[in-house]
Amino acid sequence: MTCRNPYIKFKQYLGGFIIFNKKHILGLVMLLTLGLFLAACAGDEEAGSDSGDSDNGFEQATWRFITEEVKGQVQYVYAEEFAKRISEKTDGKITVEPYEYGGLGSETDQVSALQDGAVEMAIMSPGFTGNMVMEGQIFALHFLFPESVEKTQEILNTSEALNVDLVEKYEEHGITPLAFWTEGATAWSSNDGLREPADFEGFNMRIQESPLMQESYKAYGASPQALSWSELYTALDRGTVDGQENPVFFIYDAAFHEVQDTVTLSNHNNYVAMTTVNTDWYNSQPENVQTLISETVDEMQDWIYEEQDRQNSEYLEKMRNDSENPTEIIELTEEQREAFKELALPIRDYYRENISTVDGAILDKLEEEIAAATE
């Protein structure tokens, strides 16, 4: 029942039987009846308000969102911004709780937590799922993406090979990637300086759990060692490993430059992250909640590109000007990059023949997409 004007409704209800200047008893009946009508209307309005909240479709919920980085670093600020936007869009009904690295174990522990449904969302690097989703090792191929980080991000946004074909491979393991994005071009840190493949001879290189990463660095002559980043600072300090690769912002913020004398801006790859959800959880959500998540992830692609660019630029400048921990910045020439690229290209065939479960079909399609995007 909707009462836009209770007095008109009241007169309609009583019809033509009531005359307002009759006996007082009739007036009393009128007042009582009017009171009942007003109470009914008020009840309808409250119900309408509650109904409006229900139509909003957002029930009270808390989502846990794990990252591989700590407060202030790119992945964690992504999770913070995502949480802020979800809260604003749902009037605070949905709370997203970001977790920094270590709160729920190592990188591989976090993958298991997402698969098991212990958390709803995660930012993860494909390298740490390399032994589970073999096709995801595609991101370990050196010199696959353009030298331009901006162009690389465009490809990550639009690639069917990644956003459809590769996503399906992850979903077979209960993980749905909603977006791929770059944290910036990767650089090498070391003590002696890395300028040519010969510098990697006998070099203990820290890598993620990825067979393809092993082959990539073996091609340069290095001895790759898989290691969690929580152990990396100590390993670099003690000389257990000789160097590592990461975006500049991470090298500086994790203080690796304190125990390494040089950083080579090799731009041999991009550090790609995935915004992921537990597949069963996501599919069980109402359509409007799925739309809320996917639209927010999509609109954050430009935001996170600008954020990583800002952090990498600012930390490179800090590194250049850090007199307490002086670091030599080495920028490879095109000729030097070509020497590495020549050794890296055959690894694509290794991927097709020894890693891929679809005979390299995803790589073939991605290469076509990259060629079209860079013509």
Protein backbone atom coordinates (compact mmCIF):
# COMPACT_ATOMS: atom_id res chain seq x y z
CA MET A 1 0.00 0.00 0.00
CA THR A 2 1.36 3.42 -0.98
CA CYS A 3 -0.03 6.56 0.70
CA ARG A 4 1.13 9.64 -1.16
CA ASN A 5 -1.55 11.73 0.63
CA PRO A 6 -3.12 9.96 3.64
CA TYR A 7 -5.86 12.56 3.99
CA ILE A 8 -7.13 11.92 0.46
CA LYS A 9 -6.89 8.18 1.04
CA PHE A 10 -8.77 8.61 4.28
CA LYS A 11 -11.63 10.40 2.56
CA GLN A 12 -11.71 7.73 -0.15
CA TYR A 13 -11.78 5.06 2.53
CA LEU A 14 -14.75 6.59 4.34
CA GLY A 15 -16.49 7.40 1.05
CA GLY A 16 -19.38 9.80 1.19
CA PHE A 17 -20.69 8.57 4.52
CA ILE A 18 -18.80 10.91 6.74
CA ILE A 19 -19.86 14.50 7.32
CA PHE A 20 -17.32 16.47 9.32
CA ASN A 21 -19.71 18.71 11.31
CA LYS A 22 -21.77 15.82 12.81
CA LYS A 23 -21.56 14.52 16.35
CA HIS A 24 -18.32 14.50 18.28
CA ILE A 25 -18.31 10.73 18.40
CA LEU A 26 -18.07 10.62 14.66
CA GLY A 27 -15.14 13.03 14.85
CA LEU A 28 -13.45 10.72 17.34
CA VAL A 29 -13.91 7.77 15.00
CA MET A 30 -12.41 9.88 12.27
CA LEU A 31 -9.36 10.71 14.35
CA LEU A 32 -8.82 7.10 15.34
CA THR A 33 -9.20 5.93 11.76
CA LEU A 34 -6.83 8.64 10.54
CA GLY A 35 -4.27 7.56 13.14
CA LEU A 36 -4.45 4.00 11.89
CA PHE A 37 -4.04 5.20 8.31
CA LEU A 38 -1.02 7.34 9.14
CA ALA A 39 0.59 4.45 11.04
CA ALA A 40 0.03 2.17 8.06
CA CYS A 41 1.58 4.72 5.70
CA ALA A 42 4.59 5.20 7.97
CA GLY A 43 5.04 1.43 8.04
CA ASP A 44 4.87 1.32 4.26
CA GLU A 45 7.49 4.06 3.97
CA GLU A 46 9.87 2.21 6.31
CA ALA A 47 9.33 -1.00 4.38
CA GLY A 48 10.01 0.91 1.18
CA SER A 49 13.28 2.19 2.62
CA ASP A 50 14.34 -1.31 3.65
CA SER A 51 13.28 -2.60 0.28
CA GLY A 52 15.47 0.02 -1.35
CA ASP A 53 18.48 -1.23 0.62
CA SER A 54 17.67 -4.76 -0.44
CA ASP A 55 17.33 -3.66 -4.05
CA ASN A 56 20.84 -2.25 -3.67
CA GLY A 57 21.83 -5.90 -3.48
CA PHE A 58 24.82 -5.52 -1.19
CA GLU A 59 24.67 -7.51 2.01
CA GLN A 60 27.13 -7.03 4.87
CA ALA A 61 30.31 -8.91 3.99
CA THR A 62 34.04 -8.97 4.59
CA TRP A 63 36.49 -10.08 1.90
CA ARG A 64 40.11 -10.94 2.63
CA PHE A 65 42.60 -9.71 0.03
CA ILE A 66 46.18 -11.01 0.24
CA THR A 67 49.21 -9.54 -1.52
CA GLU A 68 52.85 -10.52 -2.04
CA GLU A 69 54.16 -7.16 -0.88
CA VAL A 70 54.12 -4.98 2.24
CA LYS A 71 52.49 -1.67 3.11
CA GLY A 72 53.44 1.12 0.75
CA GLN A 73 54.49 -1.17 -2.10
CA VAL A 74 52.55 -1.41 -5.36
CA GLN A 75 50.49 -4.54 -4.69
CA TYR A 76 49.48 -3.46 -1.21
CA VAL A 77 48.42 0.05 -2.22
CA TYR A 78 46.40 -1.56 -5.01
CA ALA A 79 44.54 -3.64 -2.43
CA GLU A 80 44.00 -0.54 -0.27
CA GLU A 81 42.58 1.44 -3.19
CA PHE A 82 40.36 -1.46 -4.21
CA ALA A 83 39.03 -1.69 -0.63
CA LYS A 84 38.31 2.04 -0.58
CA ARG A 85 36.35 1.93 -3.84
CA ILE A 86 34.32 -1.13 -2.84
CA SER A 87 33.40 0.51 0.48
CA GLU A 88 32.31 3.71 -1.27
CA LYS A 89 30.23 1.86 -3.86
CA THR A 90 28.42 -0.26 -1.26
CA ASP A 91 27.98 2.47 1.38
CA GLY A 92 30.28 0.57 3.69
CA LYS A 93 28.38 -2.71 3.55
CA ILE A 94 31.31 -4.62 2.05
CA THR A 95 34.65 -4.42 3.81
CA VAL A 96 37.81 -5.53 2.03
CA GLU A 97 40.73 -6.36 4.35
CA PRO A 98 44.16 -6.14 2.66
CA TYR A 99 46.87 -8.47 3.97
CA GLU A 100 50.52 -7.65 3.44
CA TYR A 101 53.07 -10.32 2.61
CA GLY A 102 53.83 -12.74 5.43
CA GLY A 103 50.48 -12.41 7.16
CA LEU A 104 49.34 -15.72 5.71
CA GLY A 105 52.63 -17.43 4.98
CA SER A 106 54.90 -17.54 1.93
CA GLU A 107 53.91 -16.86 -1.67
CA THR A 108 53.03 -20.52 -2.26
CA ASP A 109 51.07 -20.61 1.01
CA GLN A 110 49.03 -17.67 -0.23
CA VAL A 111 48.22 -19.49 -3.47
CA SER A 112 46.92 -22.43 -1.43
CA ALA A 113 44.88 -20.09 0.79
CA LEU A 114 43.12 -18.69 -2.27
CA GLN A 115 42.49 -22.12 -3.77
CA ASP A 116 41.09 -23.45 -0.50
CA GLY A 117 38.79 -20.47 -0.02
CA ALA A 118 40.56 -19.28 3.14
CA VAL A 119 40.69 -15.90 1.38
CA GLU A 120 38.49 -14.49 -1.34
CA MET A 121 40.99 -12.42 -3.33
CA ALA A 122 44.72 -12.26 -3.98
CA ILE A 123 47.34 -10.47 -6.00
CA MET A 124 49.86 -13.02 -7.15
CA SER A 125 52.75 -13.35 -9.55
CA PRO A 126 52.46 -16.09 -12.17
CA GLY A 127 55.98 -17.18 -11.30
CA PHE A 128 54.82 -18.60 -7.99
CA THR A 129 52.19 -20.74 -9.72
CA GLY A 130 54.58 -21.97 -12.41
CA ASN A 131 54.60 -25.57 -11.27
CA MET A 132 50.81 -25.65 -11.09
CA VAL A 133 49.66 -23.62 -14.12
CA MET A 134 52.40 -24.40 -16.60
CA GLU A 135 51.13 -21.91 -19.20
CA GLY A 136 51.53 -19.08 -16.68
CA GLN A 137 55.29 -19.35 -17.05
CA ILE A 138 54.87 -17.42 -20.26
CA PHE A 139 55.65 -14.25 -18.27
CA ALA A 140 59.15 -15.54 -17.54
CA LEU A 141 60.13 -15.27 -21.21
CA HIS A 142 62.68 -12.48 -21.62
CA PHE A 143 62.22 -9.82 -24.29
CA LEU A 144 58.72 -11.04 -25.14
CA PHE A 145 56.90 -7.79 -24.38
CA PRO A 146 57.71 -4.37 -25.89
CA GLU A 147 60.41 -2.19 -24.35
CA SER A 148 57.66 0.36 -23.60
CA VAL A 149 56.01 -0.40 -20.26
CA GLU A 150 52.95 1.58 -21.34
CA LYS A 151 52.54 -0.50 -24.48
CA THR A 152 53.01 -3.66 -22.42
CA GLN A 153 50.15 -2.60 -20.16
CA GLU A 154 47.91 -2.05 -23.20
CA ILE A 155 48.63 -5.61 -24.33
CA LEU A 156 47.95 -7.00 -20.86
CA ASN A 157 44.60 -5.20 -20.88
CA THR A 158 43.43 -6.43 -24.28
CA SER A 159 45.13 -9.77 -24.99
CA GLU A 160 42.69 -12.62 -25.67
CA ALA A 161 45.52 -15.10 -25.25
CA LEU A 162 45.92 -13.95 -21.64
CA ASN A 163 42.46 -12.74 -20.58
CA VAL A 164 40.60 -15.71 -22.07
CA ASP A 165 42.89 -18.64 -22.87
CA LEU A 166 45.29 -18.32 -19.92
CA VAL A 167 42.46 -17.49 -17.51
CA GLU A 168 40.81 -20.81 -18.39
CA LYS A 169 43.99 -22.64 -17.40
CA TYR A 170 43.98 -20.98 -13.98
CA GLU A 171 40.30 -21.72 -13.47
CA GLU A 172 41.07 -25.42 -13.77
CA HIS A 173 42.84 -24.94 -10.41
CA GLY A 174 40.15 -22.86 -8.70
CA ILE A 175 41.73 -19.46 -9.41
CA THR A 176 40.20 -16.81 -11.68
CA PRO A 177 42.50 -13.97 -12.82
CA LEU A 178 40.40 -10.84 -13.36
CA ALA A 179 43.25 -8.66 -14.64
CA PHE A 180 46.93 -8.72 -15.53
CA TRP A 181 49.05 -5.63 -14.91
CA THR A 182 52.67 -4.58 -14.83
CA GLU A 183 54.56 -3.43 -11.77
CA GLY A 184 57.22 -2.02 -14.05
CA ALA A 185 60.23 -3.11 -16.04
CA THR A 186 62.51 -5.54 -14.24
CA ALA A 187 66.12 -4.71 -13.40
CA TRP A 188 69.07 -6.78 -12.20
CA SER A 189 70.96 -6.09 -8.99
CA SER A 190 74.45 -7.45 -8.32
CA ASN A 191 77.79 -6.50 -6.81
CA ASP A 192 80.04 -6.61 -9.86
CA GLY A 193 77.64 -5.25 -12.50
CA LEU A 194 75.77 -7.10 -15.24
CA ARG A 195 76.43 -5.72 -18.72
CA GLU A 196 76.84 -8.78 -20.95
CA PRO A 197 75.96 -12.48 -20.85
CA ALA A 198 79.53 -13.35 -19.82
CA ASP A 199 78.89 -11.55 -16.52
CA PHE A 200 76.39 -14.28 -15.61
CA GLU A 201 78.95 -17.09 -15.84
CA GLY A 202 78.96 -18.84 -12.45
CA PHE A 203 76.48 -16.26 -11.13
CA ASN A 204 74.00 -17.53 -8.50
CA MET A 205 70.77 -15.89 -9.62
CA ARG A 206 67.70 -15.84 -7.36
CA ILE A 207 64.48 -16.74 -9.20
CA GLN A 208 60.87 -17.64 -8.43
CA GLU A 209 59.56 -21.22 -8.54
CA SER A 210 59.48 -21.45 -12.32
CA PRO A 211 61.25 -24.02 -14.52
CA LEU A 212 61.20 -21.54 -17.38
CA MET A 213 63.03 -18.93 -15.26
CA GLN A 214 65.68 -21.55 -14.67
CA GLU A 215 66.13 -22.09 -18.40
CA SER A 216 66.14 -18.36 -19.11
CA TYR A 217 69.07 -17.73 -16.77
CA LYS A 218 70.88 -20.93 -17.67
CA ALA A 219 70.91 -19.59 -21.23
CA TYR A 220 73.03 -16.67 -19.96
CA GLY A 221 75.33 -19.04 -18.06
CA ALA A 222 73.92 -18.37 -14.57
CA SER A 223 73.11 -20.85 -11.80
CA PRO A 224 69.49 -20.04 -10.84
CA GLN A 225 68.19 -20.69 -7.31
CA ALA A 226 64.52 -20.51 -6.31
CA LEU A 227 64.03 -18.47 -3.16
CA SER A 228 61.16 -16.70 -1.38
CA TRP A 229 61.66 -12.95 -1.21
CA SER A 230 61.38 -13.01 2.59
CA GLU A 231 64.75 -14.79 2.58
CA LEU A 232 66.31 -12.73 -0.19
CA TYR A 233 67.83 -9.80 1.72
CA THR A 234 69.77 -12.13 4.00
CA ALA A 235 70.79 -14.35 1.07
CA LEU A 236 72.15 -11.34 -0.82
CA ASP A 237 73.90 -10.01 2.26
CA ARG A 238 75.60 -13.33 2.98
CA GLY A 239 76.42 -14.05 -0.65
CA THR A 240 74.21 -17.15 -0.79
CA VAL A 241 72.94 -15.68 -4.05
CA ASP A 242 74.75 -13.09 -6.15
CA GLY A 243 71.81 -11.16 -7.55
CA GLN A 244 68.13 -10.95 -8.34
CA GLU A 245 65.56 -9.29 -10.62
CA ASN A 246 62.72 -6.95 -9.64
CA PRO A 247 61.25 -3.58 -10.54
CA VAL A 248 63.27 -0.61 -9.27
CA PHE A 249 60.70 0.40 -6.66
CA PHE A 250 60.94 -3.03 -5.03
CA ILE A 251 64.74 -3.18 -5.11
CA TYR A 252 64.93 0.11 -3.24
CA ASP A 253 62.00 -0.29 -0.86
CA ALA A 254 63.11 -3.80 0.14
CA ALA A 255 66.60 -2.31 0.71
CA PHE A 256 68.34 -4.76 -1.62
CA HIS A 257 70.46 -1.83 -2.80
CA GLU A 258 71.99 -1.76 0.69
CA VAL A 259 73.62 -5.14 0.09
CA GLN A 260 74.17 -4.85 -3.69
CA ASP A 261 76.49 -2.35 -5.36
CA THR A 262 74.92 -2.10 -8.82
CA VAL A 263 71.51 -2.07 -10.48
CA THR A 264 71.29 -2.77 -14.22
CA LEU A 265 68.30 -1.22 -16.01
CA SER A 266 68.06 -4.14 -18.41
CA ASN A 267 64.33 -3.90 -19.18
CA HIS A 268 64.51 -7.54 -20.21
CA ASN A 269 61.01 -8.18 -18.88
CA ASN A 270 58.05 -6.75 -16.96
CA TYR A 271 57.03 -7.89 -13.51
CA VAL A 272 53.43 -8.95 -14.16
CA ALA A 273 50.90 -9.31 -11.35
CA MET A 274 47.41 -10.79 -11.44
CA THR A 275 44.31 -9.66 -9.57
CA THR A 276 42.67 -12.99 -8.76
CA VAL A 277 39.64 -14.42 -6.96
CA ASN A 278 38.68 -17.85 -5.71
CA THR A 279 36.66 -19.23 -8.64
CA ASP A 280 33.91 -20.96 -6.65
CA TRP A 281 33.44 -17.97 -4.36
CA TYR A 282 33.25 -15.53 -7.25
CA ASN A 283 30.80 -17.67 -9.22
CA SER A 284 28.58 -18.00 -6.15
CA GLN A 285 28.17 -14.22 -5.83
CA PRO A 286 25.03 -12.46 -7.12
CA GLU A 287 25.35 -10.91 -10.55
CA ASN A 288 25.51 -7.36 -9.20
CA VAL A 289 28.35 -8.28 -6.83
CA GLN A 290 30.30 -9.90 -9.66
CA THR A 291 29.73 -6.76 -11.72
CA LEU A 292 30.86 -4.60 -8.81
CA ILE A 293 34.12 -6.53 -8.56
CA SER A 294 34.88 -6.77 -12.27
CA GLU A 295 34.05 -3.12 -12.98
CA THR A 296 36.21 -1.95 -10.08
CA VAL A 297 39.11 -4.12 -11.24
CA ASP A 298 38.75 -2.78 -14.79
CA GLU A 299 38.69 0.87 -13.74
CA MET A 300 41.80 0.35 -11.62
CA GLN A 301 43.96 -0.71 -14.56
CA ASP A 302 44.81 2.90 -15.43
CA TRP A 303 45.18 3.80 -11.76
CA ILE A 304 47.70 1.05 -11.02
CA TYR A 305 49.72 1.84 -14.14
CA GLU A 306 50.14 5.42 -12.92
CA GLU A 307 50.96 4.24 -9.39
CA GLN A 308 53.71 1.83 -10.45
CA ASP A 309 55.14 4.45 -12.80
CA ARG A 310 55.22 6.99 -9.97
CA GLN A 311 56.88 4.59 -7.53
CA ASN A 312 59.48 3.34 -10.01
CA SER A 313 60.40 6.88 -11.07
CA GLU A 314 60.62 8.19 -7.50
CA TYR A 315 62.64 5.26 -6.18
CA LEU A 316 65.07 5.39 -9.09
CA GLU A 317 65.73 9.03 -8.24
CA LYS A 318 66.19 8.15 -4.56
CA MET A 319 68.59 5.38 -5.52
CA ARG A 320 70.64 7.75 -7.65
CA ASN A 321 70.87 10.24 -4.78
CA ASP A 322 71.38 7.83 -1.88
CA SER A 323 74.83 8.83 -0.62
CA GLU A 324 74.60 6.52 2.40
CA ASN A 325 74.18 3.46 0.18
CA PRO A 326 75.72 4.48 -3.16
CA THR A 327 74.52 2.33 -6.05
CA GLU A 328 75.93 2.32 -9.56
CA ILE A 329 73.09 2.54 -12.10
CA ILE A 330 73.92 0.71 -15.33
CA GLU A 331 71.78 1.35 -18.41
CA LEU A 332 72.23 -1.20 -21.17
CA THR A 333 72.76 0.00 -24.71
CA GLU A 334 70.68 -1.46 -27.53
CA GLU A 335 73.69 -3.52 -28.61
CA GLN A 336 74.04 -4.96 -25.10
CA ARG A 337 70.34 -5.77 -24.91
CA GLU A 338 70.53 -7.52 -28.29
CA ALA A 339 73.26 -9.82 -26.98
CA PHE A 340 70.95 -10.99 -24.19
CA LYS A 341 67.93 -11.15 -26.51
CA GLU A 342 69.78 -13.44 -28.93
CA LEU A 343 70.26 -15.98 -26.14
CA ALA A 344 66.71 -15.53 -24.81
CA LEU A 345 64.78 -16.14 -28.05
CA PRO A 346 65.42 -19.93 -28.24
CA ILE A 347 63.78 -20.30 -24.82
CA ARG A 348 60.44 -19.71 -26.52
CA ASP A 349 60.85 -23.04 -28.30
CA TYR A 350 61.73 -24.63 -24.96
CA TYR A 351 58.45 -23.23 -23.61
CA ARG A 352 56.49 -24.69 -26.51
CA GLU A 353 58.12 -28.11 -26.33
CA ASN A 354 58.68 -28.64 -22.60
CA ILE A 355 56.39 -26.31 -20.65
CA SER A 356 53.20 -25.67 -22.58
CA THR A 357 50.33 -28.12 -22.30
CA VAL A 358 48.75 -26.78 -25.50
CA ASP A 359 51.80 -26.95 -27.79
CA GLY A 360 52.51 -23.25 -27.37
CA ALA A 361 49.12 -22.10 -28.69
CA ILE A 362 48.79 -19.33 -26.08
CA LEU A 363 52.31 -18.07 -26.80
CA ASP A 364 51.68 -18.15 -30.55
CA LYS A 365 48.53 -16.08 -30.18
CA LEU A 366 50.19 -13.64 -27.76
CA GLU A 367 53.11 -13.11 -30.13
CA GLU A 368 50.64 -12.25 -32.90
CA GLU A 369 48.86 -9.80 -30.61
CA ILE A 370 52.14 -8.18 -29.59
CA ALA A 371 53.22 -7.85 -33.23
CA ALA A 372 49.88 -6.22 -34.14
CA ALA A 373 50.07 -3.84 -31.18
CA THR A 374 53.61 -2.70 -31.99
CA GLU A 375 53.35 -2.27 -35.77
